[in-house]
């Protein structure tokens, strides 16, 4: 039984909706796609729900028309703009000395429980990067192993609740429920990286219209993510200011002559802002210098991010550039010079059935990654935005038994009772359990009186 999925990549300049069929063996065939200009978004975050809903609806209707299917739930990308990341760890004792999926679930929830997540933040992903069985480190998959203790180190990505809720509202306004939310840098990495690069350690930089997202993948999982509010539109506005020409003209200059290679000293005629009938001559050398300065500065800040991550020495496979901005001529050479003697690769999304020609381009990496995520192409284990532990070999049945269609609202944060329940069942010592249960019952009585 194949299932139909809808992926909506909400970028700062465009919205891309893709409908795909996923077969039982997790192979993907794309059946429809729609692209619209993003409105009501600034630097990847929603600033006007109504306008954003309209743009999402436009892309969605195009995709539905092409594929001929009506999908009611979607997997949606979220910008790294308001995310915060932290590392946490958890330990559980294993009673029957064999690690089952239940123990992996328990240890991952323990690492979440131990993490100090601020109240106004919600979890997007909890990604385990190191499982420890007894004293053995870096276990790829602890499932079925003999052990008396299981430990995990987790990279937790959180985002502001308001940011997540506004995103869901905008998508709901377009007539679709949000089934899952994925960080766009994570989605881009799924669509562009091969297994060797993940194993050796790699930084993926998705350079878009108004934003650049970076994630560092090392070993089993994402270890670092960050966000820079600069993209190719900043080149346009720089050109507009430097050449005293309207934004739309500056944009076409960027697209026609934008290159980081040796400039020519040819002259071009451009209209002047405020007096469109008068033109003035501009040397292509000036155009080149303006573009070069902005791109170099952007790459230097991104290089600083990598430096600050503390993981620079783990980038065996170097750096992968994707996103629309990465298509600028000569950017790879400049990146090699800026990042200093690490390999740099320009990446487009992985090939798949039915991939329309226009989706083969680097700016669709994040959208294609969302579709692949729906087909279980994620890290071996993770906790997703719905607080559910996912694993890469899960059967689609378990994926679809969560029926979102009848729920008016997807509960994100667990209620106090649920929290209490998980808090109570996590420790492995029985005495501690009853003490804690008593303490939480008191807390619960106090809380109910309070409200």
Protein backbone atom coordinates (compact mmCIF):
# COMPACT_ATOMS: atom_id res chain seq x y z
CA UNK A 1 0.00 0.00 0.00
CA UNK A 2 1.57 3.26 -1.03
CA UNK A 3 0.74 6.42 0.86
CA UNK A 4 0.50 9.99 -0.35
CA UNK A 5 2.47 12.70 1.45
CA UNK A 6 2.50 16.45 1.12
CA UNK A 7 5.65 18.43 1.92
CA UNK A 8 5.58 22.23 2.20
CA UNK A 9 8.89 24.05 2.29
CA UNK A 10 8.28 27.55 3.62
CA UNK A 11 11.25 29.67 2.62
CA UNK A 12 11.81 33.39 2.93
CA UNK A 13 11.41 34.04 -0.80
CA UNK A 14 9.40 31.09 -2.12
CA UNK A 15 7.01 28.41 -0.93
CA UNK A 16 7.26 24.99 -2.50
CA UNK A 17 4.62 22.27 -2.09
CA UNK A 18 5.41 18.75 -3.27
CA UNK A 19 3.04 15.78 -3.34
CA UNK A 20 4.63 12.33 -3.53
CA UNK A 21 3.69 8.66 -3.36
CA UNK A 22 5.74 6.58 -0.94
CA UNK A 23 5.73 2.83 -1.57
CA UNK A 24 6.08 0.10 1.08
CA UNK A 25 9.82 -0.12 0.44
CA UNK A 26 10.05 3.65 1.11
CA UNK A 27 10.82 4.47 -2.53
CA UNK A 28 9.50 7.89 -3.52
CA UNK A 29 7.72 9.04 -6.68
CA UNK A 30 6.84 12.72 -6.99
CA UNK A 31 3.39 13.29 -8.51
CA UNK A 32 2.86 17.03 -8.16
CA UNK A 33 4.59 20.27 -7.24
CA UNK A 34 3.66 23.91 -6.91
CA UNK A 35 5.80 26.97 -6.26
CA UNK A 36 4.66 30.43 -5.21
CA UNK A 37 6.34 33.67 -4.14
CA UNK A 38 6.51 33.90 -0.35
CA UNK A 39 4.47 36.68 1.23
CA UNK A 40 3.96 37.48 4.88
CA UNK A 41 7.42 36.12 5.74
CA UNK A 42 10.58 37.87 6.79
CA UNK A 43 13.88 36.06 7.18
CA UNK A 44 12.06 32.74 7.15
CA UNK A 45 9.58 33.58 9.92
CA UNK A 46 5.92 34.44 9.56
CA UNK A 47 5.08 38.13 9.92
CA UNK A 48 1.57 38.05 8.44
CA UNK A 49 -0.47 34.87 8.85
CA UNK A 50 -3.13 35.77 6.26
CA UNK A 51 -0.64 36.60 3.50
CA UNK A 52 1.48 33.54 4.32
CA UNK A 53 -1.65 31.32 4.14
CA UNK A 54 -2.46 32.75 0.71
CA UNK A 55 1.02 31.97 -0.66
CA UNK A 56 0.91 28.46 0.83
CA UNK A 57 -2.53 27.89 -0.71
CA UNK A 58 -1.33 29.02 -4.16
CA UNK A 59 1.58 26.53 -4.12
CA UNK A 60 -0.66 23.83 -2.66
CA UNK A 61 -3.40 24.21 -5.27
CA UNK A 62 -0.86 23.98 -8.10
CA UNK A 63 0.60 20.79 -6.62
CA UNK A 64 -2.87 19.27 -6.14
CA UNK A 65 -3.84 20.13 -9.71
CA UNK A 66 -0.78 18.40 -11.14
CA UNK A 67 -0.98 15.30 -8.95
CA UNK A 68 -4.75 14.99 -8.88
CA UNK A 69 -4.78 13.98 -5.21
CA UNK A 70 -6.22 15.75 -2.21
CA UNK A 71 -3.98 15.54 0.85
CA UNK A 72 -5.17 16.79 4.21
CA UNK A 73 -1.98 16.65 6.31
CA UNK A 74 1.46 18.03 5.57
CA UNK A 75 5.04 17.86 6.73
CA UNK A 76 6.35 21.42 6.89
CA UNK A 77 9.80 23.00 7.12
CA UNK A 78 10.64 25.63 9.72
CA UNK A 79 13.43 28.20 9.52
CA UNK A 80 16.34 28.11 11.94
CA UNK A 81 15.62 31.77 12.75
CA UNK A 82 14.27 31.38 16.27
CA UNK A 83 15.78 28.04 17.19
CA UNK A 84 18.00 27.34 20.17
CA UNK A 85 20.02 24.17 20.53
CA UNK A 86 21.48 22.38 23.49
CA UNK A 87 23.03 19.03 24.28
CA UNK A 88 21.70 16.73 26.98
CA UNK A 89 22.14 13.17 28.15
CA UNK A 90 20.19 10.38 29.79
CA UNK A 91 20.97 7.08 31.54
CA UNK A 92 18.68 4.12 32.24
CA UNK A 93 19.27 0.75 33.87
CA UNK A 94 18.18 -2.26 31.88
CA UNK A 95 16.32 -4.81 33.96
CA UNK A 96 16.31 -7.81 31.61
CA UNK A 97 19.82 -7.11 30.28
CA UNK A 98 18.77 -6.72 26.64
CA UNK A 99 18.17 -3.35 24.99
CA UNK A 100 14.70 -3.20 23.48
CA UNK A 101 13.09 -0.31 21.60
CA UNK A 102 11.28 0.54 24.85
CA UNK A 103 14.61 1.16 26.62
CA UNK A 104 15.86 3.34 23.76
CA UNK A 105 12.61 5.31 23.98
CA UNK A 106 13.01 5.62 27.74
CA UNK A 107 16.63 6.79 27.62
CA UNK A 108 15.84 9.38 24.94
CA UNK A 109 12.91 10.76 26.94
CA UNK A 110 15.21 10.87 29.99
CA UNK A 111 17.68 13.04 28.05
CA UNK A 112 14.78 15.35 27.13
CA UNK A 113 13.63 15.45 30.75
CA UNK A 114 17.18 16.31 31.89
CA UNK A 115 17.49 19.12 29.35
CA UNK A 116 16.89 22.61 30.59
CA UNK A 117 14.38 23.76 27.95
CA UNK A 118 12.95 27.25 28.61
CA UNK A 119 9.16 27.44 29.06
CA UNK A 120 8.47 29.44 25.93
CA UNK A 121 10.33 26.92 23.74
CA UNK A 122 9.13 23.66 22.21
CA UNK A 123 11.21 20.78 20.97
CA UNK A 124 11.63 20.34 17.22
CA UNK A 125 14.09 17.44 17.17
CA UNK A 126 15.98 15.46 19.77
CA UNK A 127 18.76 13.69 17.88
CA UNK A 128 20.98 11.13 19.64
CA UNK A 129 24.60 11.43 18.52
CA UNK A 130 26.17 8.96 20.93
CA UNK A 131 24.73 5.79 22.45
CA UNK A 132 26.77 4.18 25.22
CA UNK A 133 26.19 0.56 26.21
CA UNK A 134 27.74 -0.06 29.64
CA UNK A 135 31.11 1.62 29.02
CA UNK A 136 31.31 1.15 25.28
CA UNK A 137 31.08 4.44 23.38
CA UNK A 138 29.64 5.42 19.97
CA UNK A 139 27.33 2.45 19.45
CA UNK A 140 25.60 2.88 16.09
CA UNK A 141 22.42 1.07 17.09
CA UNK A 142 22.03 -0.36 20.60
CA UNK A 143 18.86 -2.32 19.71
CA UNK A 144 19.11 -5.98 20.79
CA UNK A 145 22.47 -5.56 22.55
CA UNK A 146 23.23 -7.09 25.92
CA UNK A 147 23.78 -4.45 28.58
CA UNK A 148 22.94 -3.47 32.11
CA UNK A 149 23.05 0.27 31.44
CA UNK A 150 22.22 2.43 28.43
CA UNK A 151 23.34 6.04 28.03
CA UNK A 152 22.62 8.57 25.31
CA UNK A 153 23.93 12.01 24.38
CA UNK A 154 21.38 14.05 22.46
CA UNK A 155 21.42 17.22 20.39
CA UNK A 156 18.10 18.97 21.06
CA UNK A 157 16.79 21.65 18.69
CA UNK A 158 14.03 23.84 20.11
CA UNK A 159 12.06 26.73 18.68
CA UNK A 160 9.86 29.43 20.17
CA UNK A 161 6.31 28.16 20.77
CA UNK A 162 4.86 31.29 19.17
CA UNK A 163 6.95 30.68 16.05
CA UNK A 164 5.72 27.09 15.77
CA UNK A 165 2.09 28.02 16.43
CA UNK A 166 2.12 30.84 13.84
CA UNK A 167 3.54 28.41 11.28
CA UNK A 168 0.77 25.89 12.03
CA UNK A 169 -1.89 28.61 11.86
CA UNK A 170 -0.64 29.77 8.45
CA UNK A 171 -0.67 26.21 7.07
CA UNK A 172 -4.09 25.52 8.62
CA UNK A 173 -5.33 28.71 6.94
CA UNK A 174 -4.44 27.06 3.61
CA UNK A 175 -6.72 24.14 4.51
CA UNK A 176 -4.14 21.59 5.68
CA UNK A 177 -3.23 20.22 9.11
CA UNK A 178 0.44 20.09 10.11
CA UNK A 179 1.45 16.50 10.76
CA UNK A 180 5.15 17.11 11.36
CA UNK A 181 7.65 19.98 11.37
CA UNK A 182 11.30 19.64 10.32
CA UNK A 183 14.15 22.15 10.57
CA UNK A 184 14.92 23.28 7.01
CA UNK A 185 18.70 22.81 7.38
CA UNK A 186 18.07 19.23 8.52
CA UNK A 187 15.79 18.64 5.51
CA UNK A 188 18.46 20.05 3.15
CA UNK A 189 21.06 17.71 4.63
CA UNK A 190 18.77 14.69 4.07
CA UNK A 191 18.43 15.61 0.37
CA UNK A 192 22.07 16.37 -0.33
CA UNK A 193 24.37 14.23 1.82
CA UNK A 194 25.65 10.74 1.11
CA UNK A 195 26.55 8.19 3.79
CA UNK A 196 30.30 8.78 3.53
CA UNK A 197 29.92 12.50 4.15
CA UNK A 198 27.72 11.88 7.21
CA UNK A 199 30.24 9.39 8.56
CA UNK A 200 33.26 11.66 8.01
CA UNK A 201 31.56 14.79 9.31
CA UNK A 202 30.28 17.61 7.11
CA UNK A 203 28.78 21.11 7.31
CA UNK A 204 25.74 21.78 5.12
CA UNK A 205 25.04 25.42 4.34
CA UNK A 206 21.70 26.17 2.71
CA UNK A 207 22.01 29.65 1.22
CA UNK A 208 18.61 31.06 0.34
CA UNK A 209 17.03 34.37 -0.62
CA UNK A 210 17.03 36.05 2.79
CA UNK A 211 18.65 33.48 5.05
CA UNK A 212 21.53 31.04 5.29
CA UNK A 213 21.09 27.96 7.50
CA UNK A 214 24.01 25.83 8.60
CA UNK A 215 24.05 22.40 10.20
CA UNK A 216 27.02 20.21 11.09
CA UNK A 217 26.48 16.47 10.74
CA UNK A 218 29.00 14.22 12.42
CA UNK A 219 28.73 10.45 12.84
CA UNK A 220 25.15 9.55 13.61
CA UNK A 221 23.44 12.89 13.78
CA UNK A 222 23.31 16.66 13.58
CA UNK A 223 25.64 18.11 16.18
CA UNK A 224 25.22 21.84 15.58
CA UNK A 225 22.86 24.21 13.79
CA UNK A 226 22.82 27.97 13.32
CA UNK A 227 21.18 30.66 11.26
CA UNK A 228 22.30 33.81 9.48
CA UNK A 229 19.75 36.35 8.23
CA UNK A 230 21.63 37.03 5.00
CA UNK A 231 20.88 35.68 1.54
CA UNK A 232 21.01 36.54 -2.15
CA UNK A 233 18.40 39.32 -1.78
CA UNK A 234 20.97 41.28 0.21
CA UNK A 235 23.17 41.27 -2.91
CA UNK A 236 20.22 42.79 -4.80
CA UNK A 237 19.70 45.58 -2.26
CA UNK A 238 23.48 46.28 -2.15
CA UNK A 239 23.49 46.61 -5.94
CA UNK A 240 20.41 48.84 -5.87
CA UNK A 241 22.10 51.21 -3.40
CA UNK A 242 25.53 51.17 -5.03
CA UNK A 243 24.22 51.65 -8.58
CA UNK A 244 21.32 54.00 -7.65
CA UNK A 245 18.94 51.81 -9.59
CA UNK A 246 15.51 50.28 -8.72
CA UNK A 247 15.43 46.88 -6.94
CA UNK A 248 13.90 44.98 -9.86
CA UNK A 249 16.64 46.28 -12.20
CA UNK A 250 19.32 45.45 -9.59
CA UNK A 251 17.90 41.93 -9.40
CA UNK A 252 18.11 41.38 -13.15
CA UNK A 253 21.69 42.78 -13.12
CA UNK A 254 22.52 40.22 -10.41
CA UNK A 255 20.97 37.38 -12.43
CA UNK A 256 22.55 38.42 -15.75
CA UNK A 257 26.00 39.55 -14.62
CA UNK A 258 26.31 38.17 -11.08
CA UNK A 259 29.62 36.36 -10.96
CA UNK A 260 32.52 36.12 -8.53
CA UNK A 261 35.04 35.40 -11.29
CA UNK A 262 37.33 38.01 -12.86
CA UNK A 263 35.21 41.00 -13.90
CA UNK A 264 35.14 42.61 -17.29
CA UNK A 265 35.27 46.41 -17.62
CA UNK A 266 32.29 46.48 -19.96
CA UNK A 267 29.71 49.23 -19.38
CA UNK A 268 25.95 48.70 -18.99
CA UNK A 269 23.15 51.28 -19.04
CA UNK A 270 20.83 51.38 -16.03
CA UNK A 271 17.85 53.57 -15.07
CA UNK A 272 18.21 55.81 -12.03
CA UNK A 273 15.99 55.51 -8.93
CA UNK A 274 13.38 58.28 -8.90
CA UNK A 275 13.90 59.15 -12.54
CA UNK A 276 13.31 55.98 -14.55
CA UNK A 277 13.59 57.78 -17.90
CA UNK A 278 17.20 58.80 -17.31
CA UNK A 279 19.90 56.17 -17.57
CA UNK A 280 23.52 56.17 -16.51
CA UNK A 281 26.46 53.94 -17.39
CA UNK A 282 27.88 51.54 -14.86
CA UNK A 283 31.01 49.43 -15.18
CA UNK A 284 30.62 45.68 -14.65
CA UNK A 285 33.69 45.92 -12.46
CA UNK A 286 31.64 47.93 -9.92
CA UNK A 287 28.88 45.28 -10.10
CA UNK A 288 31.46 42.56 -9.46
CA UNK A 289 33.02 44.40 -6.52
CA UNK A 290 29.67 44.96 -4.80
CA UNK A 291 28.66 41.30 -5.19
CA UNK A 292 32.08 40.00 -4.19
CA UNK A 293 32.15 42.10 -1.01
CA UNK A 294 28.74 40.84 0.17
CA UNK A 295 29.33 37.17 -0.66
CA UNK A 296 32.79 37.18 0.92
CA UNK A 297 31.41 38.77 4.10
CA UNK A 298 28.59 36.18 4.27
CA UNK A 299 31.02 33.27 3.83
CA UNK A 300 33.36 34.74 6.46
CA UNK A 301 30.55 34.90 9.04
CA UNK A 302 29.60 31.30 8.20
CA UNK A 303 33.25 30.27 8.60
CA UNK A 304 33.14 31.91 12.05
CA UNK A 305 30.04 29.83 12.91
CA UNK A 306 31.99 26.67 12.07
CA UNK A 307 34.90 27.90 14.20
CA UNK A 308 32.55 28.60 17.14
CA UNK A 309 30.85 25.20 16.88
CA UNK A 310 34.01 23.52 18.21
CA UNK A 311 33.52 20.80 15.57
CA UNK A 312 35.79 22.17 12.85
CA UNK A 313 38.25 19.31 13.24
CA UNK A 314 35.42 16.81 12.68
CA UNK A 315 34.59 18.00 9.15
CA UNK A 316 36.37 15.21 7.27
CA UNK A 317 34.13 15.64 4.23
CA UNK A 318 34.36 19.44 4.33
CA UNK A 319 31.48 21.71 3.40
CA UNK A 320 28.41 21.24 1.20
CA UNK A 321 26.77 24.36 -0.24
CA UNK A 322 23.18 24.24 -1.45
CA UNK A 323 20.23 26.63 -1.86
CA UNK A 324 19.59 29.17 -4.61
CA UNK A 325 22.37 31.54 -3.52
CA UNK A 326 24.94 28.74 -3.97
CA UNK A 327 24.31 28.84 -7.74
CA UNK A 328 26.26 32.09 -8.13
CA UNK A 329 29.14 31.61 -10.54
CA UNK A 330 32.49 31.27 -8.79
CA UNK A 331 31.09 30.77 -5.27
CA UNK A 332 32.87 27.45 -4.79
CA UNK A 333 36.33 28.97 -5.37
CA UNK A 334 35.58 31.83 -3.00
CA UNK A 335 34.28 29.36 -0.39
CA UNK A 336 37.46 27.25 -0.65
CA UNK A 337 39.52 30.41 -0.13
CA UNK A 338 37.37 31.55 2.82
CA UNK A 339 36.94 28.26 4.68
CA UNK A 340 40.61 27.41 4.30
CA UNK A 341 41.79 24.11 2.79
CA UNK A 342 38.63 22.07 3.30
CA UNK A 343 36.82 20.41 0.41
CA UNK A 344 33.74 22.33 -0.78
CA UNK A 345 30.99 20.69 -2.83
CA UNK A 346 28.00 22.35 -4.52
CA UNK A 347 24.99 20.11 -4.01
CA UNK A 348 21.66 19.58 -5.67
CA UNK A 349 18.94 17.29 -4.30
CA UNK A 350 19.30 13.54 -4.80
CA UNK A 351 17.58 12.09 -7.89
CA UNK A 352 14.21 10.36 -7.47
CA UNK A 353 11.27 9.14 -9.56
CA UNK A 354 9.14 11.85 -11.13
CA UNK A 355 11.51 14.64 -10.09
CA UNK A 356 10.42 17.53 -12.31
CA UNK A 357 13.28 19.28 -14.08
CA UNK A 358 12.73 22.53 -12.22
CA UNK A 359 12.99 20.70 -8.86
CA UNK A 360 16.47 19.39 -9.68
CA UNK A 361 17.96 22.75 -8.76
CA UNK A 362 19.80 23.55 -5.50
CA UNK A 363 17.01 25.80 -4.18
CA UNK A 364 14.70 22.79 -3.78
CA UNK A 365 17.00 20.74 -1.52
CA UNK A 366 14.94 21.51 1.58
CA UNK A 367 11.61 20.60 -0.10
CA UNK A 368 12.96 17.30 -1.46
CA UNK A 369 14.47 16.58 1.98
CA UNK A 370 11.01 16.88 3.56
CA UNK A 371 9.64 14.26 1.17
CA UNK A 372 12.56 11.96 1.99
CA UNK A 373 12.01 12.52 5.72
CA UNK A 374 8.44 11.28 5.20
CA UNK A 375 9.97 8.15 3.68
CA UNK A 376 11.96 7.56 6.91
CA UNK A 377 15.25 9.02 5.67
CA UNK A 378 16.26 10.43 9.01
CA UNK A 379 18.80 9.67 11.71
CA UNK A 380 18.48 6.10 13.11
CA UNK A 381 16.48 7.41 16.10
CA UNK A 382 14.97 10.76 16.97
CA UNK A 383 12.19 12.41 18.91
CA UNK A 384 10.10 14.56 16.60
CA UNK A 385 7.98 17.65 17.19
CA UNK A 386 5.06 15.45 18.33
CA UNK A 387 7.26 14.02 21.14
CA UNK A 388 7.25 10.66 19.38
CA UNK A 389 10.35 8.51 19.17
CA UNK A 390 10.93 7.71 15.51
CA UNK A 391 13.35 5.17 14.12
CA UNK A 392 14.58 4.83 10.57
CA UNK A 393 13.31 1.25 10.16
CA UNK A 394 9.81 1.86 11.46
CA UNK A 395 6.95 0.54 9.36
CA UNK A 396 4.66 3.07 7.69
CA UNK A 397 1.78 1.44 9.60
CA UNK A 398 3.05 2.89 12.86
CA UNK A 399 3.52 6.16 11.03
CA UNK A 400 -0.06 6.37 9.85
CA UNK A 401 -1.79 5.10 12.98
CA UNK A 402 -1.54 8.58 14.40
CA UNK A 403 -4.65 10.06 12.85
CA UNK A 404 -4.33 13.80 12.71
CA UNK A 405 -7.40 14.43 10.59
CA UNK A 406 -9.93 14.44 13.43
CA UNK A 407 -7.85 16.44 15.82
CA UNK A 408 -8.58 20.14 15.77
CA UNK A 409 -5.24 20.87 17.37
CA UNK A 410 -2.11 18.75 17.62
CA UNK A 411 -1.05 18.79 21.27
CA UNK A 412 2.57 19.80 21.40
CA UNK A 413 3.56 20.12 25.00
CA UNK A 414 2.44 17.29 27.28
CA UNK A 415 -0.07 18.21 29.95
CA UNK A 416 0.98 18.44 33.59
CA UNK A 417 -0.41 14.94 34.27
CA UNK A 418 1.62 13.47 31.39
CA UNK A 419 4.72 15.29 32.52
CA UNK A 420 4.21 13.94 36.01
CA UNK A 421 3.69 10.46 34.67
CA UNK A 422 6.91 10.51 32.62
CA UNK A 423 8.83 12.12 35.44
CA UNK A 424 7.63 9.39 37.77
CA UNK A 425 8.45 6.45 35.51
CA UNK A 426 11.90 7.56 34.41
CA UNK A 427 14.10 6.73 37.46
CA UNK A 428 14.89 3.07 37.76
CA UNK A 429 15.06 2.76 41.57
CA UNK A 430 11.71 1.74 43.02
CA UNK A 431 11.99 3.68 46.29
CA UNK A 432 12.83 6.85 44.42
CA UNK A 433 9.76 6.28 42.27
CA UNK A 434 7.29 6.22 45.19
CA UNK A 435 8.95 9.22 46.87
CA UNK A 436 8.73 11.19 43.67
CA UNK A 437 5.15 10.11 43.08
CA UNK A 438 4.25 11.39 46.55
CA UNK A 439 6.01 14.69 45.93
CA UNK A 440 4.30 15.14 42.58
CA UNK A 441 0.89 14.24 44.01
CA UNK A 442 1.35 17.03 46.52
CA UNK A 443 2.42 19.31 43.68
CA UNK A 444 -0.60 18.24 41.64
CA UNK A 445 -3.03 18.95 44.51
CA UNK A 446 -1.42 22.35 44.98
CA UNK A 447 -1.59 23.09 41.24
CA UNK A 448 -5.28 22.16 40.97
CA UNK A 449 -6.13 24.38 43.95
CA UNK A 450 -4.16 27.19 42.38
CA UNK A 451 -6.11 27.10 39.11
